[in-house]
PDB file of all heavy atoms in Angstrom:
ATOM      1  N   CYS A   1       0.836  -1.180   0.047  1.00  0.00           N
ATOM      2  CA  CYS A   1      -0.019   0.063   0.012  1.00  0.00           C
ATOM      3  C   CYS A   1       0.872   1.271  -0.011  1.00  0.00           C
ATOM      4  O   CYS A   1       1.895   1.353   0.699  1.00  0.00           O
ATOM      5  CB  CYS A   1      -0.916  -0.031   1.201  1.00  0.00           C
ATOM      6  SG  CYS A   1      -2.123   1.363   1.312  1.00  0.00           S
ATOM      7  N   ALA A   2       0.506   2.275  -0.772  1.00  0.00           N
ATOM      8  CA  ALA A   2       1.254   3.494  -0.886  1.00  0.00           C
ATOM      9  C   ALA A   2       1.107   4.314   0.446  1.00  0.00           C
ATOM     10  O   ALA A   2       2.142   4.787   0.885  1.00  0.00           O
ATOM     11  CB  ALA A   2       0.884   4.309  -2.105  1.00  0.00           C
ATOM     12  N   VAL A   3      -0.121   4.533   0.856  1.00  0.00           N
ATOM     13  CA  VAL A   3      -0.389   5.334   1.998  1.00  0.00           C
ATOM     14  C   VAL A   3      -1.372   4.694   2.946  1.00  0.00           C
ATOM     15  O   VAL A   3      -2.430   4.234   2.497  1.00  0.00           O
ATOM     16  CB  VAL A   3      -0.928   6.714   1.644  1.00  0.00           C
ATOM     17  CG1 VAL A   3      -1.254   7.562   2.868  1.00  0.00           C
ATOM     18  CG2 VAL A   3       0.008   7.590   0.772  1.00  0.00           C
ATOM     19  N   VAL A   4      -1.087   4.531   4.180  1.00  0.00           N
ATOM     20  CA  VAL A   4      -1.978   3.891   5.245  1.00  0.00           C
ATOM     21  C   VAL A   4      -2.551   5.053   6.039  1.00  0.00           C
ATOM     22  O   VAL A   4      -1.970   6.104   6.225  1.00  0.00           O
ATOM     23  CB  VAL A   4      -1.329   2.825   6.065  1.00  0.00           C
ATOM     24  CG1 VAL A   4      -0.891   1.708   5.218  1.00  0.00           C
ATOM     25  CG2 VAL A   4      -0.096   3.391   6.800  1.00  0.00           C
ATOM     26  N   CYS A   5      -3.648   4.826   6.670  1.00  0.00           N
ATOM     27  CA  CYS A   5      -4.370   5.845   7.446  1.00  0.00           C
ATOM     28  C   CYS A   5      -4.826   5.259   8.806  1.00  0.00           C
ATOM     29  O   CYS A   5      -5.166   4.049   8.887  1.00  0.00           O
ATOM     30  CB  CYS A   5      -5.644   6.329   6.732  1.00  0.00           C
ATOM     31  SG  CYS A   5      -6.368   7.758   7.524  1.00  0.00           S
ATOM     32  N   SER A   6      -4.721   6.065   9.803  1.00  0.00           N
ATOM     33  CA  SER A   6      -5.033   5.681  11.187  1.00  0.00           C
ATOM     34  C   SER A   6      -6.553   5.432  11.292  1.00  0.00           C
ATOM     35  O   SER A   6      -7.300   5.822  10.457  1.00  0.00           O
ATOM     36  CB  SER A   6      -4.581   6.713  12.156  1.00  0.00           C
ATOM     37  OG  SER A   6      -5.481   7.863  12.057  1.00  0.00           O
ATOM     38  N   GLU A   7      -6.882   4.907  12.471  1.00  0.00           N
ATOM     39  CA  GLU A   7      -8.371   4.899  12.813  1.00  0.00           C
ATOM     40  C   GLU A   7      -8.751   6.305  13.004  1.00  0.00           C
ATOM     41  O   GLU A   7      -7.904   7.287  13.271  1.00  0.00           O
ATOM     42  CB  GLU A   7      -8.604   4.162  14.091  1.00  0.00           C
ATOM     43  CG  GLU A   7      -8.151   2.716  14.015  1.00  0.00           C
ATOM     44  CD  GLU A   7      -8.465   1.925  15.411  1.00  0.00           C
ATOM     45  OE1 GLU A   7      -9.630   1.943  15.803  1.00  0.00           O
ATOM     46  OE2 GLU A   7      -7.547   1.442  15.869  1.00  0.00           O
ATOM     47  N   MET A   8     -10.100   6.620  12.936  1.00  0.00           N
ATOM     48  CA  MET A   8     -10.680   7.921  13.223  1.00  0.00           C
ATOM     49  C   MET A   8     -10.369   8.302  14.712  1.00  0.00           C
ATOM     50  O   MET A   8     -10.706   7.511  15.595  1.00  0.00           O
ATOM     51  CB  MET A   8     -12.096   7.923  12.876  1.00  0.00           C
ATOM     52  CG  MET A   8     -12.770   9.294  12.820  1.00  0.00           C
ATOM     53  SD  MET A   8     -14.391   9.167  12.228  1.00  0.00           S
ATOM     54  CE  MET A   8     -15.186   8.224  13.453  1.00  0.00           C
ATOM     55  N   ILE A   9      -9.751   9.440  14.893  1.00  0.00           N
ATOM     56  CA  ILE A   9      -9.329   9.812  16.274  1.00  0.00           C
ATOM     57  C   ILE A   9     -10.091  11.107  16.687  1.00  0.00           C
ATOM     58  O   ILE A   9     -10.072  12.057  15.966  1.00  0.00           O
ATOM     59  CB  ILE A   9      -7.809  10.042  16.339  1.00  0.00           C
ATOM     60  CG1 ILE A   9      -7.110   8.702  15.956  1.00  0.00           C
ATOM     61  CG2 ILE A   9      -7.376  10.462  17.756  1.00  0.00           C
ATOM     62  CD1 ILE A   9      -5.576   8.887  15.847  1.00  0.00           C
ATOM     63  N   SER A  10     -10.627  10.994  17.868  1.00  0.00           N
ATOM     64  CA  SER A  10     -11.382  12.179  18.432  1.00  0.00           C
ATOM     65  C   SER A  10     -10.473  13.381  18.720  1.00  0.00           C
ATOM     66  O   SER A  10      -9.422  13.204  19.444  1.00  0.00           O
ATOM     67  CB  SER A  10     -12.080  11.848  19.665  1.00  0.00           C
ATOM     68  OG  SER A  10     -12.565  12.907  20.398  1.00  0.00           O
ATOM     69  N   ALA A  11     -10.767  14.467  18.180  1.00  0.00           N
ATOM     70  CA  ALA A  11      -9.949  15.733  18.404  1.00  0.00           C
ATOM     71  C   ALA A  11      -9.978  16.041  19.932  1.00  0.00           C
ATOM     72  O   ALA A  11      -8.920  16.430  20.533  1.00  0.00           O
ATOM     73  CB  ALA A  11     -10.342  16.896  17.564  1.00  0.00           C
ATOM     74  N   LYS A  12     -11.105  16.004  20.545  1.00  0.00           N
ATOM     75  CA  LYS A  12     -11.260  16.258  21.958  1.00  0.00           C
ATOM     76  C   LYS A  12     -10.536  15.233  22.830  1.00  0.00           C
ATOM     77  O   LYS A  12     -10.014  15.564  23.902  1.00  0.00           O
ATOM     78  CB  LYS A  12     -12.775  16.427  22.324  1.00  0.00           C
ATOM     79  CG  LYS A  12     -13.430  17.616  21.804  1.00  0.00           C
ATOM     80  CD  LYS A  12     -14.808  17.873  22.426  1.00  0.00           C
ATOM     81  CE  LYS A  12     -15.406  19.226  21.963  1.00  0.00           C
ATOM     82  NZ  LYS A  12     -16.699  19.456  22.475  1.00  0.00           N
ATOM     83  N   GLY A  13     -10.492  13.937  22.308  1.00  0.00           N
ATOM     84  CA  GLY A  13      -9.773  12.984  23.009  1.00  0.00           C
ATOM     85  C   GLY A  13      -8.265  13.311  23.105  1.00  0.00           C
ATOM     86  O   GLY A  13      -7.625  13.128  24.193  1.00  0.00           O
ATOM     87  N   ILE A  14      -7.766  13.882  21.998  1.00  0.00           N
ATOM     88  CA  ILE A  14      -6.380  14.327  22.053  1.00  0.00           C
ATOM     89  C   ILE A  14      -6.223  15.525  22.895  1.00  0.00           C
ATOM     90  O   ILE A  14      -5.276  15.667  23.752  1.00  0.00           O
ATOM     91  CB  ILE A  14      -5.843  14.794  20.611  1.00  0.00           C
ATOM     92  CG1 ILE A  14      -5.898  13.474  19.618  1.00  0.00           C
ATOM     93  CG2 ILE A  14      -4.528  15.430  20.603  1.00  0.00           C
ATOM     94  CD1 ILE A  14      -5.630  13.832  18.220  1.00  0.00           C
ATOM     95  N   PHE A  15      -7.131  16.456  22.860  1.00  0.00           N
ATOM     96  CA  PHE A  15      -7.104  17.672  23.752  1.00  0.00           C
ATOM     97  C   PHE A  15      -7.089  17.312  25.216  1.00  0.00           C
ATOM     98  O   PHE A  15      -6.307  17.977  26.038  1.00  0.00           O
ATOM     99  CB  PHE A  15      -8.312  18.558  23.461  1.00  0.00           C
ATOM    100  CG  PHE A  15      -8.408  19.875  24.185  1.00  0.00           C
ATOM    101  CD1 PHE A  15      -7.502  20.781  24.020  1.00  0.00           C
ATOM    102  CD2 PHE A  15      -9.396  20.048  25.133  1.00  0.00           C
ATOM    103  CE1 PHE A  15      -7.503  21.956  24.749  1.00  0.00           C
ATOM    104  CE2 PHE A  15      -9.487  21.274  25.849  1.00  0.00           C
ATOM    105  CZ  PHE A  15      -8.531  22.186  25.703  1.00  0.00           C
ATOM    106  N   TYR A  16      -7.877  16.285  25.594  1.00  0.00           N
ATOM    107  CA  TYR A  16      -7.995  15.896  26.984  1.00  0.00           C
ATOM    108  C   TYR A  16      -6.863  14.844  27.313  1.00  0.00           C
ATOM    109  O   TYR A  16      -6.885  14.238  28.433  1.00  0.00           O
ATOM    110  CB  TYR A  16      -9.368  15.406  27.370  1.00  0.00           C
ATOM    111  CG  TYR A  16     -10.360  16.541  27.406  1.00  0.00           C
ATOM    112  CD1 TYR A  16     -11.384  16.599  26.381  1.00  0.00           C
ATOM    113  CD2 TYR A  16     -10.281  17.540  28.291  1.00  0.00           C
ATOM    114  CE1 TYR A  16     -12.290  17.632  26.427  1.00  0.00           C
ATOM    115  CE2 TYR A  16     -11.240  18.581  28.272  1.00  0.00           C
ATOM    116  CZ  TYR A  16     -12.206  18.551  27.368  1.00  0.00           C
ATOM    117  OH  TYR A  16     -13.163  19.661  27.408  1.00  0.00           O
ATOM    118  N   ASN A  17      -6.048  14.489  26.389  1.00  0.00           N
ATOM    119  CA  ASN A  17      -4.925  13.578  26.496  1.00  0.00           C
ATOM    120  C   ASN A  17      -5.472  12.132  27.013  1.00  0.00           C
ATOM    121  O   ASN A  17      -4.850  11.473  27.796  1.00  0.00           O
ATOM    122  CB  ASN A  17      -3.998  14.051  27.455  1.00  0.00           C
ATOM    123  CG  ASN A  17      -2.595  13.421  27.344  1.00  0.00           C
ATOM    124  OD1 ASN A  17      -2.177  13.137  26.216  1.00  0.00           O
ATOM    125  ND2 ASN A  17      -1.865  13.265  28.506  1.00  0.00           N
ATOM    126  N   ALA A  18      -6.612  11.843  26.494  1.00  0.00           N
ATOM    127  CA  ALA A  18      -7.184  10.511  26.865  1.00  0.00           C
ATOM    128  C   ALA A  18      -6.149   9.396  26.444  1.00  0.00           C
ATOM    129  O   ALA A  18      -5.726   9.316  25.324  1.00  0.00           O
ATOM    130  CB  ALA A  18      -8.548  10.294  26.151  1.00  0.00           C
ATOM    131  N   GLU A  19      -5.932   8.453  27.403  1.00  0.00           N
ATOM    132  CA  GLU A  19      -4.881   7.435  27.110  1.00  0.00           C
ATOM    133  C   GLU A  19      -5.174   6.552  25.949  1.00  0.00           C
ATOM    134  O   GLU A  19      -4.351   6.306  25.096  1.00  0.00           O
ATOM    135  CB  GLU A  19      -4.809   6.563  28.414  1.00  0.00           C
ATOM    136  CG  GLU A  19      -3.709   5.546  28.344  1.00  0.00           C
ATOM    137  CD  GLU A  19      -3.608   4.685  29.566  1.00  0.00           C
ATOM    138  OE1 GLU A  19      -4.215   4.999  30.587  1.00  0.00           O
ATOM    139  OE2 GLU A  19      -2.870   3.660  29.432  1.00  0.00           O
ATOM    140  N   LYS A  20      -6.465   6.164  25.711  1.00  0.00           N
ATOM    141  CA  LYS A  20      -6.818   5.360  24.624  1.00  0.00           C
ATOM    142  C   LYS A  20      -6.601   6.124  23.325  1.00  0.00           C
ATOM    143  O   LYS A  20      -6.076   5.542  22.375  1.00  0.00           O
ATOM    144  CB  LYS A  20      -8.325   4.876  24.779  1.00  0.00           C
ATOM    145  CG  LYS A  20      -8.725   3.975  23.618  1.00  0.00           C
ATOM    146  CD  LYS A  20     -10.234   3.571  23.766  1.00  0.00           C
ATOM    147  CE  LYS A  20     -10.632   2.651  22.654  1.00  0.00           C
ATOM    148  NZ  LYS A  20     -12.113   2.292  22.761  1.00  0.00           N
ATOM    149  N   THR A  21      -6.916   7.391  23.304  1.00  0.00           N
ATOM    150  CA  THR A  21      -6.789   8.239  22.097  1.00  0.00           C
ATOM    151  C   THR A  21      -5.330   8.283  21.752  1.00  0.00           C
ATOM    152  O   THR A  21      -4.934   8.197  20.623  1.00  0.00           O
ATOM    153  CB  THR A  21      -7.447   9.547  22.348  1.00  0.00           C
ATOM    154  OG1 THR A  21      -8.800   9.408  22.530  1.00  0.00           O
ATOM    155  CG2 THR A  21      -7.295  10.426  21.048  1.00  0.00           C
ATOM    156  N   ILE A  22      -4.516   8.562  22.794  1.00  0.00           N
ATOM    157  CA  ILE A  22      -3.069   8.751  22.506  1.00  0.00           C
ATOM    158  C   ILE A  22      -2.435   7.483  22.007  1.00  0.00           C
ATOM    159  O   ILE A  22      -1.536   7.465  21.106  1.00  0.00           O
ATOM    160  CB  ILE A  22      -2.366   9.272  23.792  1.00  0.00           C
ATOM    161  CG1 ILE A  22      -2.909  10.578  24.257  1.00  0.00           C
ATOM    162  CG2 ILE A  22      -0.850   9.375  23.581  1.00  0.00           C
ATOM    163  CD1 ILE A  22      -2.825  11.700  23.238  1.00  0.00           C
ATOM    164  N   THR A  23      -2.915   6.303  22.483  1.00  0.00           N
ATOM    165  CA  THR A  23      -2.508   4.967  21.962  1.00  0.00           C
ATOM    166  C   THR A  23      -2.681   4.902  20.531  1.00  0.00           C
ATOM    167  O   THR A  23      -1.911   4.372  19.783  1.00  0.00           O
ATOM    168  CB  THR A  23      -3.126   3.887  22.731  1.00  0.00           C
ATOM    169  OG1 THR A  23      -2.813   3.970  24.100  1.00  0.00           O
ATOM    170  CG2 THR A  23      -2.664   2.515  22.231  1.00  0.00           C
ATOM    171  N   LEU A  24      -3.832   5.451  20.059  1.00  0.00           N
ATOM    172  CA  LEU A  24      -4.197   5.363  18.634  1.00  0.00           C
ATOM    173  C   LEU A  24      -3.124   6.133  17.727  1.00  0.00           C
ATOM    174  O   LEU A  24      -3.086   5.915  16.526  1.00  0.00           O
ATOM    175  CB  LEU A  24      -5.546   5.891  18.365  1.00  0.00           C
ATOM    176  CG  LEU A  24      -6.729   5.134  18.935  1.00  0.00           C
ATOM    177  CD1 LEU A  24      -8.080   5.845  18.741  1.00  0.00           C
ATOM    178  CD2 LEU A  24      -6.823   3.692  18.341  1.00  0.00           C
ATOM    179  N   LEU A  25      -2.423   7.035  18.380  1.00  0.00           N
ATOM    180  CA  LEU A  25      -1.422   7.794  17.606  1.00  0.00           C
ATOM    181  C   LEU A  25      -0.069   7.206  17.504  1.00  0.00           C
ATOM    182  O   LEU A  25       0.725   7.739  16.901  1.00  0.00           O
ATOM    183  CB  LEU A  25      -1.328   9.245  18.285  1.00  0.00           C
ATOM    184  CG  LEU A  25      -2.516  10.130  18.070  1.00  0.00           C
ATOM    185  CD1 LEU A  25      -2.438  11.365  19.057  1.00  0.00           C
ATOM    186  CD2 LEU A  25      -2.621  10.666  16.658  1.00  0.00           C
ATOM    187  N   ARG A  26       0.098   6.053  18.117  1.00  0.00           N
ATOM    188  CA  ARG A  26       1.419   5.323  18.052  1.00  0.00           C
ATOM    189  C   ARG A  26       1.675   4.975  16.630  1.00  0.00           C
ATOM    190  O   ARG A  26       0.788   4.624  15.788  1.00  0.00           O
ATOM    191  CB  ARG A  26       1.382   4.089  18.882  1.00  0.00           C
ATOM    192  CG  ARG A  26       1.578   4.345  20.370  1.00  0.00           C
ATOM    193  CD  ARG A  26       1.577   3.019  21.078  1.00  0.00           C
ATOM    194  NE  ARG A  26       2.554   2.029  20.596  1.00  0.00           N
ATOM    195  CZ  ARG A  26       2.760   0.745  20.990  1.00  0.00           C
ATOM    196  NH1 ARG A  26       1.852   0.257  21.884  1.00  0.00           N
ATOM    197  NH2 ARG A  26       3.634  -0.007  20.432  1.00  0.00           N
ATOM    198  N   SER A  27       2.922   5.132  16.246  1.00  0.00           N
ATOM    199  CA  SER A  27       3.286   4.849  14.771  1.00  0.00           C
ATOM    200  C   SER A  27       4.695   4.298  14.826  1.00  0.00           C
ATOM    201  O   SER A  27       5.483   4.374  15.860  1.00  0.00           O
ATOM    202  CB  SER A  27       3.246   6.128  14.024  1.00  0.00           C
ATOM    203  OG  SER A  27       3.666   5.983  12.706  1.00  0.00           O
ATOM    204  N   GLU A  28       5.050   3.692  13.668  1.00  0.00           N
ATOM    205  CA  GLU A  28       6.435   3.195  13.454  1.00  0.00           C
ATOM    206  C   GLU A  28       6.828   3.652  12.076  1.00  0.00           C
ATOM    207  O   GLU A  28       6.080   3.878  11.179  1.00  0.00           O
ATOM    208  CB  GLU A  28       6.460   1.666  13.450  1.00  0.00           C
ATOM    209  CG  GLU A  28       6.100   1.067  14.855  1.00  0.00           C
ATOM    210  CD  GLU A  28       7.130   1.291  15.960  1.00  0.00           C
ATOM    211  OE1 GLU A  28       8.263   1.692  15.595  1.00  0.00           O
ATOM    212  OE2 GLU A  28       6.790   1.158  17.147  1.00  0.00           O
ATOM    213  N   GLU A  29       8.170   3.755  11.867  1.00  0.00           N
ATOM    214  CA  GLU A  29       8.685   4.274  10.722  1.00  0.00           C
ATOM    215  C   GLU A  29       8.366   3.462   9.466  1.00  0.00           C
ATOM    216  O   GLU A  29       8.209   4.004   8.371  1.00  0.00           O
ATOM    217  CB  GLU A  29      10.265   4.425  10.884  1.00  0.00           C
ATOM    218  CG  GLU A  29      10.966   5.123   9.715  1.00  0.00           C
ATOM    219  CD  GLU A  29      10.607   6.528   9.625  1.00  0.00           C
ATOM    220  OE1 GLU A  29      10.298   7.224  10.628  1.00  0.00           O
ATOM    221  OE2 GLU A  29      10.672   7.147   8.498  1.00  0.00           O
ATOM    222  N   ASN A  30       8.243   2.163   9.663  1.00  0.00           N
ATOM    223  CA  ASN A  30       7.997   1.278   8.515  1.00  0.00           C
ATOM    224  C   ASN A  30       6.635   1.396   7.964  1.00  0.00           C
ATOM    225  O   ASN A  30       6.298   0.677   6.884  1.00  0.00           O
ATOM    226  CB  ASN A  30       8.287  -0.268   8.893  1.00  0.00           C
ATOM    227  CG  ASN A  30       7.421  -0.799  10.021  1.00  0.00           C
ATOM    228  OD1 ASN A  30       6.529  -0.107  10.524  1.00  0.00           O
ATOM    229  ND2 ASN A  30       7.651  -2.054  10.365  1.00  0.00           N
ATOM    230  N   GLU A  31       5.780   2.208   8.581  1.00  0.00           N
ATOM    231  CA  GLU A  31       4.374   2.255   7.960  1.00  0.00           C
ATOM    232  C   GLU A  31       4.312   3.630   7.147  1.00  0.00           C
ATOM    233  O   GLU A  31       3.144   3.871   6.602  1.00  0.00           O
ATOM    234  CB  GLU A  31       3.324   2.193   8.987  1.00  0.00           C
ATOM    235  CG  GLU A  31       3.311   3.439  10.071  1.00  0.00           C
ATOM    236  CD  GLU A  31       2.098   3.405  10.951  1.00  0.00           C
ATOM    237  OE1 GLU A  31       1.009   2.914  10.506  1.00  0.00           O
ATOM    238  OE2 GLU A  31       2.263   3.898  12.068  1.00  0.00           O
ATOM    239  N   ARG A  32       5.236   4.415   7.152  1.00  0.00           N
ATOM    240  CA  ARG A  32       5.166   5.683   6.591  1.00  0.00           C
ATOM    241  C   ARG A  32       5.237   5.660   4.967  1.00  0.00           C
ATOM    242  O   ARG A  32       5.865   4.725   4.607  1.00  0.00           O
ATOM    243  CB  ARG A  32       6.229   6.717   7.154  1.00  0.00           C
ATOM    244  CG  ARG A  32       5.987   6.812   8.575  1.00  0.00           C
ATOM    245  CD  ARG A  32       6.982   7.753   9.304  1.00  0.00           C
ATOM    246  NE  ARG A  32       6.584   9.145   9.099  1.00  0.00           N
ATOM    247  CZ  ARG A  32       7.078  10.083   9.739  1.00  0.00           C
ATOM    248  NH1 ARG A  32       7.944   9.938  10.731  1.00  0.00           N
ATOM    249  NH2 ARG A  32       6.694  11.339   9.459  1.00  0.00           N
ATOM    250  N   PRO A  33       4.596   6.590   4.297  1.00  0.00           N
ATOM    251  CA  PRO A  33       3.814   7.758   4.867  1.00  0.00           C
ATOM    252  C   PRO A  33       2.461   7.386   5.569  1.00  0.00           C
ATOM    253  O   PRO A  33       1.732   6.493   4.985  1.00  0.00           O
ATOM    254  CB  PRO A  33       3.531   8.645   3.687  1.00  0.00           C
ATOM    255  CG  PRO A  33       3.586   7.677   2.522  1.00  0.00           C
ATOM    256  CD  PRO A  33       4.538   6.601   2.855  1.00  0.00           C
ATOM    257  N   LEU A  34       2.291   8.044   6.684  1.00  0.00           N
ATOM    258  CA  LEU A  34       0.991   7.811   7.431  1.00  0.00           C
ATOM    259  C   LEU A  34       0.125   9.031   7.426  1.00  0.00           C
ATOM    260  O   LEU A  34       0.598  10.109   7.707  1.00  0.00           O
ATOM    261  CB  LEU A  34       1.470   7.483   8.852  1.00  0.00           C
ATOM    262  CG  LEU A  34       0.307   7.352   9.928  1.00  0.00           C
ATOM    263  CD1 LEU A  34      -0.622   6.270   9.719  1.00  0.00           C
ATOM    264  CD2 LEU A  34       0.838   7.340  11.353  1.00  0.00           C
ATOM    265  N   SER A  35      -1.161   8.692   7.207  1.00  0.00           N
ATOM    266  CA  SER A  35      -2.127   9.756   7.321  1.00  0.00           C
ATOM    267  C   SER A  35      -2.943   9.557   8.641  1.00  0.00           C
ATOM    268  O   SER A  35      -3.343   8.416   8.952  1.00  0.00           O
ATOM    269  CB  SER A  35      -3.170   9.647   6.197  1.00  0.00           C
ATOM    270  OG  SER A  35      -4.246  10.524   6.332  1.00  0.00           O
ATOM    271  N   VAL A  36      -3.037  10.569   9.432  1.00  0.00           N
ATOM    272  CA  VAL A  36      -3.778  10.511  10.736  1.00  0.00           C
ATOM    273  C   VAL A  36      -5.055  11.231  10.628  1.00  0.00           C
ATOM    274  O   VAL A  36      -5.116  12.426  10.271  1.00  0.00           O
ATOM    275  CB  VAL A  36      -2.931  11.107  11.927  1.00  0.00           C
ATOM    276  CG1 VAL A  36      -3.784  11.189  13.157  1.00  0.00           C
ATOM    277  CG2 VAL A  36      -1.713  10.255  12.152  1.00  0.00           C
ATOM    278  N   GLN A  37      -6.154  10.526  10.785  1.00  0.00           N
ATOM    279  CA  GLN A  37      -7.500  11.146  10.634  1.00  0.00           C
ATOM    280  C   GLN A  37      -8.123  11.595  11.944  1.00  0.00           C
ATOM    281  O   GLN A  37      -8.168  10.774  12.907  1.00  0.00           O
ATOM    282  CB  GLN A  37      -8.345  10.134   9.941  1.00  0.00           C
ATOM    283  CG  GLN A  37      -9.837  10.824   9.610  1.00  0.00           C
ATOM    284  CD  GLN A  37     -10.814   9.936   9.019  1.00  0.00           C
ATOM    285  OE1 GLN A  37     -11.417   9.123   9.601  1.00  0.00           O
ATOM    286  NE2 GLN A  37     -10.956  10.053   7.652  1.00  0.00           N
ATOM    287  N   ILE A  38      -8.617  12.800  11.995  1.00  0.00           N
ATOM    288  CA  ILE A  38      -9.265  13.296  13.182  1.00  0.00           C
ATOM    289  C   ILE A  38     -10.683  13.619  12.916  1.00  0.00           C
ATOM    290  O   ILE A  38     -11.038  13.834  11.795  1.00  0.00           O
ATOM    291  CB  ILE A  38      -8.517  14.497  13.769  1.00  0.00           C
ATOM    292  CG1 ILE A  38      -8.418  15.652  12.724  1.00  0.00           C
ATOM    293  CG2 ILE A  38      -7.153  14.110  14.321  1.00  0.00           C
ATOM    294  CD1 ILE A  38      -7.808  16.898  13.357  1.00  0.00           C
ATOM    295  N   PHE A  39     -11.507  13.718  13.983  1.00  0.00           N
ATOM    296  CA  PHE A  39     -12.902  14.064  13.747  1.00  0.00           C
ATOM    297  C   PHE A  39     -13.358  14.971  14.980  1.00  0.00           C
ATOM    298  O   PHE A  39     -12.735  14.883  16.037  1.00  0.00           O
ATOM    299  CB  PHE A  39     -13.832  12.922  13.618  1.00  0.00           C
ATOM    300  CG  PHE A  39     -14.183  12.193  14.844  1.00  0.00           C
ATOM    301  CD1 PHE A  39     -15.351  12.411  15.555  1.00  0.00           C
ATOM    302  CD2 PHE A  39     -13.341  11.249  15.411  1.00  0.00           C
ATOM    303  CE1 PHE A  39     -15.697  11.777  16.719  1.00  0.00           C
ATOM    304  CE2 PHE A  39     -13.660  10.520  16.611  1.00  0.00           C
ATOM    305  CZ  PHE A  39     -14.808  10.859  17.222  1.00  0.00           C
TER     306      PHE A  39
END
């Protein structure tokens, strides 16, 4: 695949630093380029 995308991530979850939401932002170099989707 040329470009992979994260699960949909709550913007407010990031704002409140919710642990589950931050886990969704974990990444590794071997998956790049990575698109991160927020809602």
